[in-house]
Amino acid sequence: MSLQWSRYLRVRRKGDQMALFHDLHPDPLYLPEDRWREFGVSSIIDIPEEILSELLVKKLIVNSEGDDETEYQLVSANLLKKLNQPTILYLMLSQQCNFDCCYCPARASLSQNEKSLRREDAIAGVNLWLSHLGEVADSEADYYVIFYGGEPLLNREVMEDVLVYLKELREGGRLPVQHLNLMVATNGSLVDEDFIHLCQKYDLLVAVGLDGPPEINNIYRLDALGRSTYERTVQTIKNLVGRGVRTFASATITPHNVGQIEDYSRFFGELGVEKFGFNFLKGRALLERVKSEDLADYHLRAAQAVIGNAKQHGDYQMEKKVDAFNHQDFFPVDCTCYGNQLVSWLMVKCPIVRLPGKNWDQFRI
């Protein structure tokens, strides 16, 4: 048995500093470049004791190839456990929306009845989710049921039915999680007194879409009649905050606000929202607004702005990733419908998904 460099050792340089880190868990060791170069011509046993000790702790130096394999198996098992943990249930209540945000794939529609999630399908979605949780529920983890759309408040009756059902499950001891968060993602236009009472009764967290000041927000976020939505959205946020409802904001990064979002912590802070997050334009919506030859520059500017904002306050999407990094952990969960999520959609239009070992016939995702 002899000490050797791990096959998972990675090295990056910035200026005259080197960062050494393990490819399976980020926890860098920083060294001056000239000091790192000394190691390349020296035997491992000649590395100073204080540095060698840290390299061993970070598993950048191992006793044998078997140590690398053991570490790989441990990390793989942890990641697999995370990927098999369905922490989020999306209930897509409606494909209709009473706004006509031109970058949104769910444009305003006239056919509400054909594009709403039925109560029985929403309940089936909850039950399918519970069947997964019964196998892998973690008492320390945070779980989310998110009412989504379109505009979910166009199908408020089904949302209320689900809230009642979840309350019954909890009171009956049939909800196998300790920390369940209930969230509604809305444009805010249909928030009224009854909805605020609903939020207070069921401790609903409300995420409201707002892209920034009126001259920015009203470029893309207009209602179905082409009218400004800024004033109504801001008033909704103030009403929710004033009534003690936990309120988040969701801002889409566009070519028109990419130069301003670094200051959005102040903007949303003045509105009283608890947290806010950024959405990125993707696919056709992005290509219609940014020329292909300008994409790299646009992405760089957006990334720098998000990081600049995070240095002041941060957004809740960034916070989750930074927290995972600080804990040397993977972050497999995010939006766009991948990783740890079940999505209850419209049964009549979606194919059946069959996986081994389960009776999946009653539900489509």
Protein backbone atom coordinates (compact mmCIF):
# COMPACT_ATOMS: atom_id res chain seq x y z
CA MET A 1 0.00 0.00 0.00
CA SER A 2 1.43 3.37 -1.03
CA LEU A 3 0.07 6.87 -1.28
CA GLN A 4 -0.99 8.02 -4.74
CA TRP A 5 -2.91 10.83 -6.38
CA SER A 6 -6.61 10.14 -6.74
CA ARG A 7 -7.88 9.58 -10.26
CA TYR A 8 -10.61 12.10 -9.38
CA LEU A 9 -8.12 14.91 -8.76
CA ARG A 10 -8.86 17.97 -10.90
CA VAL A 11 -6.76 21.12 -11.12
CA ARG A 12 -7.78 24.59 -12.32
CA ARG A 13 -5.67 27.74 -12.50
CA LYS A 14 -6.64 31.40 -12.18
CA GLY A 15 -3.78 33.87 -12.30
CA ASP A 16 -1.00 32.47 -10.16
CA GLN A 17 -3.35 30.41 -7.96
CA MET A 18 -4.24 26.75 -8.39
CA ALA A 19 -7.43 25.10 -7.18
CA LEU A 20 -7.24 21.37 -6.45
CA PHE A 21 -10.54 19.56 -6.01
CA HIS A 22 -12.14 16.12 -6.05
CA ASP A 23 -14.32 15.55 -9.10
CA LEU A 24 -17.01 13.83 -7.02
CA HIS A 25 -17.42 16.52 -4.36
CA PRO A 26 -16.29 20.15 -4.65
CA ASP A 27 -14.11 21.25 -1.75
CA PRO A 28 -11.11 23.08 -3.25
CA LEU A 29 -7.64 23.38 -1.83
CA TYR A 30 -5.92 26.57 -3.05
CA LEU A 31 -2.17 26.75 -3.62
CA PRO A 32 0.21 29.17 -5.33
CA GLU A 33 1.14 27.88 -8.77
CA ASP A 34 4.84 27.61 -8.00
CA ARG A 35 4.07 25.50 -4.91
CA TRP A 36 1.87 23.18 -6.95
CA ARG A 37 4.64 22.81 -9.55
CA GLU A 38 6.98 21.59 -6.81
CA PHE A 39 4.66 18.65 -6.19
CA GLY A 40 5.00 17.57 -9.81
CA VAL A 41 8.70 16.84 -9.40
CA SER A 42 8.57 15.61 -5.81
CA SER A 43 7.52 12.35 -4.24
CA ILE A 44 4.24 12.44 -2.34
CA ILE A 45 6.07 11.65 0.87
CA ASP A 46 8.07 14.89 0.43
CA ILE A 47 4.93 17.04 0.46
CA PRO A 48 4.86 19.14 3.66
CA GLU A 49 2.89 17.42 6.41
CA GLU A 50 0.23 20.13 6.81
CA ILE A 51 -0.59 20.10 3.07
CA LEU A 52 -0.40 16.31 2.80
CA SER A 53 -2.83 15.98 5.69
CA GLU A 54 -5.37 18.24 3.95
CA LEU A 55 -4.95 16.39 0.65
CA LEU A 56 -5.71 13.14 2.46
CA VAL A 57 -8.76 14.59 4.20
CA LYS A 58 -10.12 15.85 0.88
CA LYS A 59 -9.29 12.42 -0.64
CA LEU A 60 -7.13 13.98 -3.33
CA ILE A 61 -4.44 11.58 -2.23
CA VAL A 62 -5.47 7.98 -1.49
CA ASN A 63 -3.87 4.82 -0.22
CA SER A 64 -4.90 2.74 -3.22
CA GLU A 65 -7.20 2.57 -6.26
CA GLY A 66 -9.62 0.73 -4.00
CA ASP A 67 -10.13 3.96 -2.01
CA ASP A 68 -11.22 5.72 -5.20
CA GLU A 69 -13.67 2.94 -5.98
CA THR A 70 -15.12 3.04 -2.46
CA GLU A 71 -15.59 6.81 -2.72
CA TYR A 72 -17.27 6.43 -6.10
CA GLN A 73 -19.72 3.86 -4.72
CA LEU A 74 -20.58 6.08 -1.74
CA VAL A 75 -21.18 9.15 -3.89
CA SER A 76 -23.16 7.14 -6.46
CA ALA A 77 -25.42 5.70 -3.76
CA ASN A 78 -26.05 9.17 -2.32
CA LEU A 79 -26.90 10.62 -5.74
CA LEU A 80 -29.19 7.70 -6.57
CA LYS A 81 -31.02 8.23 -3.29
CA LYS A 82 -31.54 11.89 -4.19
CA LEU A 83 -32.73 11.10 -7.70
CA ASN A 84 -35.23 8.60 -6.32
CA GLN A 85 -36.61 11.13 -3.84
CA PRO A 86 -39.77 12.75 -5.33
CA THR A 87 -39.57 16.00 -3.39
CA ILE A 88 -41.84 17.98 -5.73
CA LEU A 89 -45.33 17.39 -7.09
CA TYR A 90 -46.47 19.81 -9.79
CA LEU A 91 -50.20 20.03 -10.36
CA MET A 92 -50.69 21.75 -13.73
CA LEU A 93 -54.16 23.06 -13.03
CA SER A 94 -54.78 24.92 -16.27
CA GLN A 95 -53.17 25.46 -19.64
CA GLN A 96 -55.14 28.66 -20.07
CA CYS A 97 -53.87 32.05 -19.00
CA ASN A 98 -55.53 35.46 -18.91
CA PHE A 99 -52.20 37.14 -19.64
CA ASP A 100 -50.55 37.09 -23.05
CA CYS A 101 -46.86 37.19 -22.20
CA CYS A 102 -45.26 36.89 -25.61
CA TYR A 103 -42.32 34.77 -24.42
CA CYS A 104 -44.59 32.20 -22.71
CA PRO A 105 -45.48 28.87 -24.40
CA ALA A 106 -48.92 28.89 -22.66
CA ARG A 107 -50.47 31.82 -24.51
CA ALA A 108 -53.98 33.03 -23.74
CA SER A 109 -56.70 30.59 -24.82
CA LEU A 110 -60.47 30.71 -25.03
CA SER A 111 -61.10 27.04 -24.28
CA GLN A 112 -60.96 26.81 -20.48
CA ASN A 113 -63.04 23.65 -20.13
CA GLU A 114 -60.84 21.57 -22.42
CA LYS A 115 -57.62 22.61 -20.78
CA SER A 116 -58.16 22.21 -17.04
CA LEU A 117 -56.99 19.45 -14.73
CA ARG A 118 -59.94 17.48 -13.38
CA ARG A 119 -60.34 16.86 -9.66
CA GLU A 120 -60.05 13.08 -9.99
CA ASP A 121 -56.83 13.42 -11.96
CA ALA A 122 -55.34 15.85 -9.45
CA ILE A 123 -56.17 13.47 -6.58
CA ALA A 124 -54.72 10.57 -8.59
CA GLY A 125 -51.54 12.64 -8.94
CA VAL A 126 -51.35 13.17 -5.19
CA ASN A 127 -51.89 9.46 -4.56
CA LEU A 128 -49.20 8.45 -7.04
CA TRP A 129 -46.82 10.85 -5.37
CA LEU A 130 -47.68 9.37 -1.97
CA SER A 131 -46.98 5.87 -3.26
CA HIS A 132 -43.41 6.98 -4.00
CA LEU A 133 -43.04 8.79 -0.71
CA GLY A 134 -44.11 5.70 1.20
CA GLU A 135 -40.95 4.00 -0.05
CA VAL A 136 -38.34 6.71 0.38
CA ALA A 137 -39.76 9.55 2.52
CA ASP A 138 -37.08 11.43 4.45
CA SER A 139 -38.22 13.02 7.71
CA GLU A 140 -35.58 15.76 7.33
CA ALA A 141 -36.32 16.71 3.71
CA ASP A 142 -38.49 19.55 2.43
CA TYR A 143 -41.32 18.56 0.10
CA TYR A 144 -43.41 20.73 -2.19
CA VAL A 145 -46.81 20.60 -3.84
CA ILE A 146 -46.82 23.36 -6.47
CA PHE A 147 -49.98 24.54 -8.21
CA TYR A 148 -48.95 25.61 -11.67
CA GLY A 149 -50.27 26.51 -15.12
CA GLY A 150 -51.00 28.47 -17.31
CA GLU A 151 -52.74 30.46 -14.66
CA PRO A 152 -53.66 28.00 -11.86
CA LEU A 153 -56.26 30.30 -10.29
CA LEU A 154 -58.43 29.79 -13.38
CA ASN A 155 -59.00 26.33 -11.86
CA ARG A 156 -59.20 27.38 -8.22
CA GLU A 157 -61.95 24.90 -7.33
CA VAL A 158 -59.70 21.91 -8.02
CA MET A 159 -56.87 23.56 -6.11
CA GLU A 160 -59.13 23.94 -3.07
CA ASP A 161 -60.20 20.29 -3.36
CA VAL A 162 -56.55 19.21 -3.31
CA LEU A 163 -55.81 21.41 -0.30
CA VAL A 164 -58.71 19.83 1.59
CA TYR A 165 -57.51 16.37 0.58
CA LEU A 166 -53.95 17.05 1.74
CA LYS A 167 -55.29 18.38 5.05
CA GLU A 168 -57.30 15.19 5.53
CA LEU A 169 -54.22 13.09 4.76
CA ARG A 170 -52.15 15.00 7.27
CA GLU A 171 -54.78 14.81 10.02
CA GLY A 172 -55.29 11.12 9.35
CA GLY A 173 -51.58 10.36 9.63
CA ARG A 174 -51.41 9.30 5.98
CA LEU A 175 -48.96 11.94 4.80
CA PRO A 176 -45.47 10.42 5.24
CA VAL A 177 -43.54 13.72 5.36
CA GLN A 178 -42.87 16.20 8.12
CA HIS A 179 -42.11 19.30 6.06
CA LEU A 180 -44.68 19.91 3.31
CA ASN A 181 -44.68 23.29 1.54
CA LEU A 182 -47.68 24.36 -0.54
CA MET A 183 -46.99 26.86 -3.31
CA VAL A 184 -48.98 28.63 -6.03
CA ALA A 185 -47.23 30.14 -9.08
CA THR A 186 -49.54 32.86 -10.40
CA ASN A 187 -49.58 36.07 -12.41
CA GLY A 188 -51.48 37.63 -9.49
CA SER A 189 -54.40 39.05 -11.45
CA LEU A 190 -57.01 36.75 -9.90
CA VAL A 191 -55.88 37.12 -6.29
CA ASP A 192 -58.88 38.32 -4.28
CA GLU A 193 -60.04 38.35 -0.67
CA ASP A 194 -61.23 34.72 -0.82
CA PHE A 195 -57.87 33.57 -2.15
CA ILE A 196 -56.00 35.47 0.56
CA HIS A 197 -58.15 33.71 3.18
CA LEU A 198 -57.26 30.42 1.48
CA CYS A 199 -53.56 31.26 1.71
CA GLN A 200 -53.89 32.06 5.40
CA LYS A 201 -55.90 28.93 6.14
CA TYR A 202 -53.54 26.49 4.39
CA ASP A 203 -50.27 28.43 4.78
CA LEU A 204 -49.88 28.79 1.01
CA LEU A 205 -46.72 30.36 -0.35
CA VAL A 206 -47.51 32.53 -3.40
CA ALA A 207 -44.98 33.15 -6.19
CA VAL A 208 -45.98 36.07 -8.42
CA GLY A 209 -44.51 36.78 -11.85
CA LEU A 210 -43.01 40.24 -12.31
CA ASP A 211 -40.12 41.12 -14.64
CA GLY A 212 -39.10 44.41 -13.07
CA PRO A 213 -40.12 48.09 -13.24
CA PRO A 214 -43.08 49.01 -15.49
CA GLU A 215 -40.97 50.03 -18.49
CA ILE A 216 -39.46 46.52 -18.43
CA ASN A 217 -42.39 44.41 -17.24
CA ASN A 218 -44.83 45.83 -19.77
CA ILE A 219 -42.67 44.96 -22.77
CA TYR A 220 -43.60 41.28 -22.53
CA ARG A 221 -46.08 40.82 -19.69
CA LEU A 222 -49.37 42.19 -21.03
CA ASP A 223 -52.83 40.81 -20.42
CA ALA A 224 -54.96 39.16 -23.08
CA LEU A 225 -56.29 42.59 -24.12
CA GLY A 226 -52.81 44.04 -24.54
CA ARG A 227 -52.97 46.16 -21.38
CA SER A 228 -50.31 46.86 -18.78
CA THR A 229 -50.09 44.31 -15.98
CA TYR A 230 -47.51 46.06 -13.79
CA GLU A 231 -49.81 48.11 -11.56
CA ARG A 232 -52.17 45.20 -10.85
CA THR A 233 -49.29 42.81 -10.15
CA VAL A 234 -47.56 45.19 -7.74
CA GLN A 235 -50.83 45.86 -5.93
CA THR A 236 -51.39 42.12 -5.57
CA ILE A 237 -47.92 41.66 -4.10
CA LYS A 238 -48.52 44.47 -1.61
CA ASN A 239 -51.90 43.01 -0.64
CA LEU A 240 -50.41 39.56 -0.05
CA VAL A 241 -47.44 40.90 1.91
CA GLY A 242 -49.68 43.20 3.94
CA ARG A 243 -51.89 40.28 4.96
CA GLY A 244 -48.98 38.16 6.10
CA VAL A 245 -48.98 35.75 3.16
CA ARG A 246 -45.53 34.43 2.31
CA THR A 247 -44.83 35.99 -1.08
CA PHE A 248 -42.09 35.27 -3.59
CA ALA A 249 -41.53 36.91 -6.98
CA SER A 250 -40.40 35.33 -10.23
CA ALA A 251 -38.61 37.46 -12.85
CA THR A 252 -37.75 36.39 -16.38
CA ILE A 253 -34.39 37.59 -17.69
CA THR A 254 -34.80 39.24 -21.10
CA PRO A 255 -32.61 41.35 -23.38
CA HIS A 256 -34.37 44.40 -21.95
CA ASN A 257 -33.58 43.83 -18.27
CA VAL A 258 -30.32 41.86 -18.42
CA GLY A 259 -28.42 45.06 -17.68
CA GLN A 260 -30.57 45.88 -14.64
CA ILE A 261 -31.14 42.63 -12.77
CA GLU A 262 -28.01 43.03 -10.71
CA ASP A 263 -30.03 45.60 -8.75
CA TYR A 264 -33.21 43.51 -8.43
CA SER A 265 -32.57 42.66 -4.80
CA ARG A 266 -33.32 46.28 -3.98
CA PHE A 267 -36.31 46.45 -6.34
CA PHE A 268 -38.04 43.37 -4.91
CA GLY A 269 -36.95 44.20 -1.38
CA GLU A 270 -38.84 47.49 -1.57
CA LEU A 271 -41.97 45.56 -2.56
CA GLY A 272 -41.63 43.40 0.56
CA VAL A 273 -41.33 40.00 -1.12
CA GLU A 274 -39.66 37.34 0.98
CA LYS A 275 -37.54 35.96 -1.86
CA PHE A 276 -37.35 36.08 -5.62
CA GLY A 277 -35.92 33.95 -8.40
CA PHE A 278 -34.86 34.34 -12.03
CA ASN A 279 -36.19 32.48 -15.04
CA PHE A 280 -34.15 32.20 -18.23
CA LEU A 281 -35.59 32.45 -21.72
CA LYS A 282 -35.08 29.21 -23.64
CA GLY A 283 -35.67 27.72 -27.05
CA ARG A 284 -37.70 29.66 -29.59
CA ALA A 285 -38.60 32.41 -27.11
CA LEU A 286 -34.91 33.21 -26.73
CA LEU A 287 -33.97 32.85 -30.40
CA GLU A 288 -36.76 35.23 -31.40
CA ARG A 289 -35.22 37.95 -29.23
CA VAL A 290 -31.48 37.33 -29.38
CA LYS A 291 -29.58 36.74 -32.61
CA SER A 292 -27.70 33.44 -32.70
CA GLU A 293 -24.37 35.26 -33.07
CA ASP A 294 -25.16 37.25 -29.90
CA LEU A 295 -26.20 34.30 -27.73
CA ALA A 296 -22.81 33.71 -26.10
CA ASP A 297 -22.53 37.36 -25.08
CA TYR A 298 -26.14 37.42 -23.83
CA HIS A 299 -25.62 34.30 -21.70
CA LEU A 300 -22.41 35.74 -20.27
CA ARG A 301 -24.12 39.03 -19.38
CA ALA A 302 -27.05 37.19 -17.79
CA ALA A 303 -24.76 34.96 -15.73
CA GLN A 304 -22.66 37.90 -14.55
CA ALA A 305 -25.78 39.84 -13.59
CA VAL A 306 -27.24 36.93 -11.61
CA ILE A 307 -23.94 36.48 -9.79
CA GLY A 308 -23.71 40.22 -9.16
CA ASN A 309 -27.19 40.22 -7.67
CA ALA A 310 -26.37 37.15 -5.58
CA LYS A 311 -23.43 38.95 -4.00
CA GLN A 312 -25.86 41.53 -2.63
CA HIS A 313 -28.77 39.37 -1.60
CA GLY A 314 -29.30 36.37 -3.86
CA ASP A 315 -32.34 34.74 -5.38
CA TYR A 316 -33.96 31.57 -4.12
CA GLN A 317 -32.95 29.56 -7.20
CA MET A 318 -29.29 30.50 -6.72
CA GLU A 319 -29.46 30.00 -2.95
CA LYS A 320 -30.40 26.34 -3.33
CA LYS A 321 -27.46 25.66 -5.61
CA VAL A 322 -24.97 27.59 -3.49
CA ASP A 323 -26.17 25.75 -0.39
CA ALA A 324 -25.64 22.40 -2.14
CA PHE A 325 -22.15 23.50 -3.19
CA ASN A 326 -21.28 24.63 0.32
CA HIS A 327 -22.34 21.23 1.63
CA GLN A 328 -20.30 19.50 -1.10
CA ASP A 329 -23.48 17.99 -2.44
CA PHE A 330 -25.20 17.38 -5.75
CA PHE A 331 -28.17 19.46 -6.79
CA PRO A 332 -30.35 17.28 -9.06
CA VAL A 333 -33.58 19.23 -8.39
CA ASP A 334 -34.73 22.19 -10.44
CA CYS A 335 -37.59 23.35 -12.60
CA THR A 336 -38.14 22.54 -16.29
CA CYS A 337 -39.62 19.22 -15.23
CA TYR A 338 -36.58 17.11 -14.52
CA GLY A 339 -35.16 15.60 -11.37
CA ASN A 340 -37.20 14.57 -8.32
CA GLN A 341 -40.51 15.75 -9.73
CA LEU A 342 -43.86 14.29 -10.62
CA VAL A 343 -45.99 16.39 -12.94
CA SER A 344 -49.75 15.90 -13.04
CA TRP A 345 -50.96 17.14 -16.42
CA LEU A 346 -54.03 16.65 -18.56
CA MET A 347 -54.98 12.98 -18.63
CA VAL A 348 -56.85 13.03 -21.89
CA LYS A 349 -53.91 14.35 -23.91
CA CYS A 350 -50.91 12.58 -22.41
CA PRO A 351 -49.48 9.11 -23.01
CA ILE A 352 -49.38 6.53 -20.24
CA VAL A 353 -46.00 6.06 -18.60
CA ARG A 354 -45.35 2.53 -17.35
CA LEU A 355 -42.52 1.66 -15.01
CA PRO A 356 -41.82 -1.77 -13.54
CA GLY A 357 -43.19 -2.80 -10.20
CA LYS A 358 -46.09 -0.36 -10.04
CA ASN A 359 -49.69 -0.20 -11.17
CA TRP A 360 -49.32 2.94 -13.27
CA ASP A 361 -52.42 2.47 -15.44
CA GLN A 362 -54.51 4.91 -13.46
CA PHE A 363 -52.22 7.89 -13.97
CA ARG A 364 -50.37 9.76 -16.66
CA ILE A 365 -47.52 12.19 -16.14
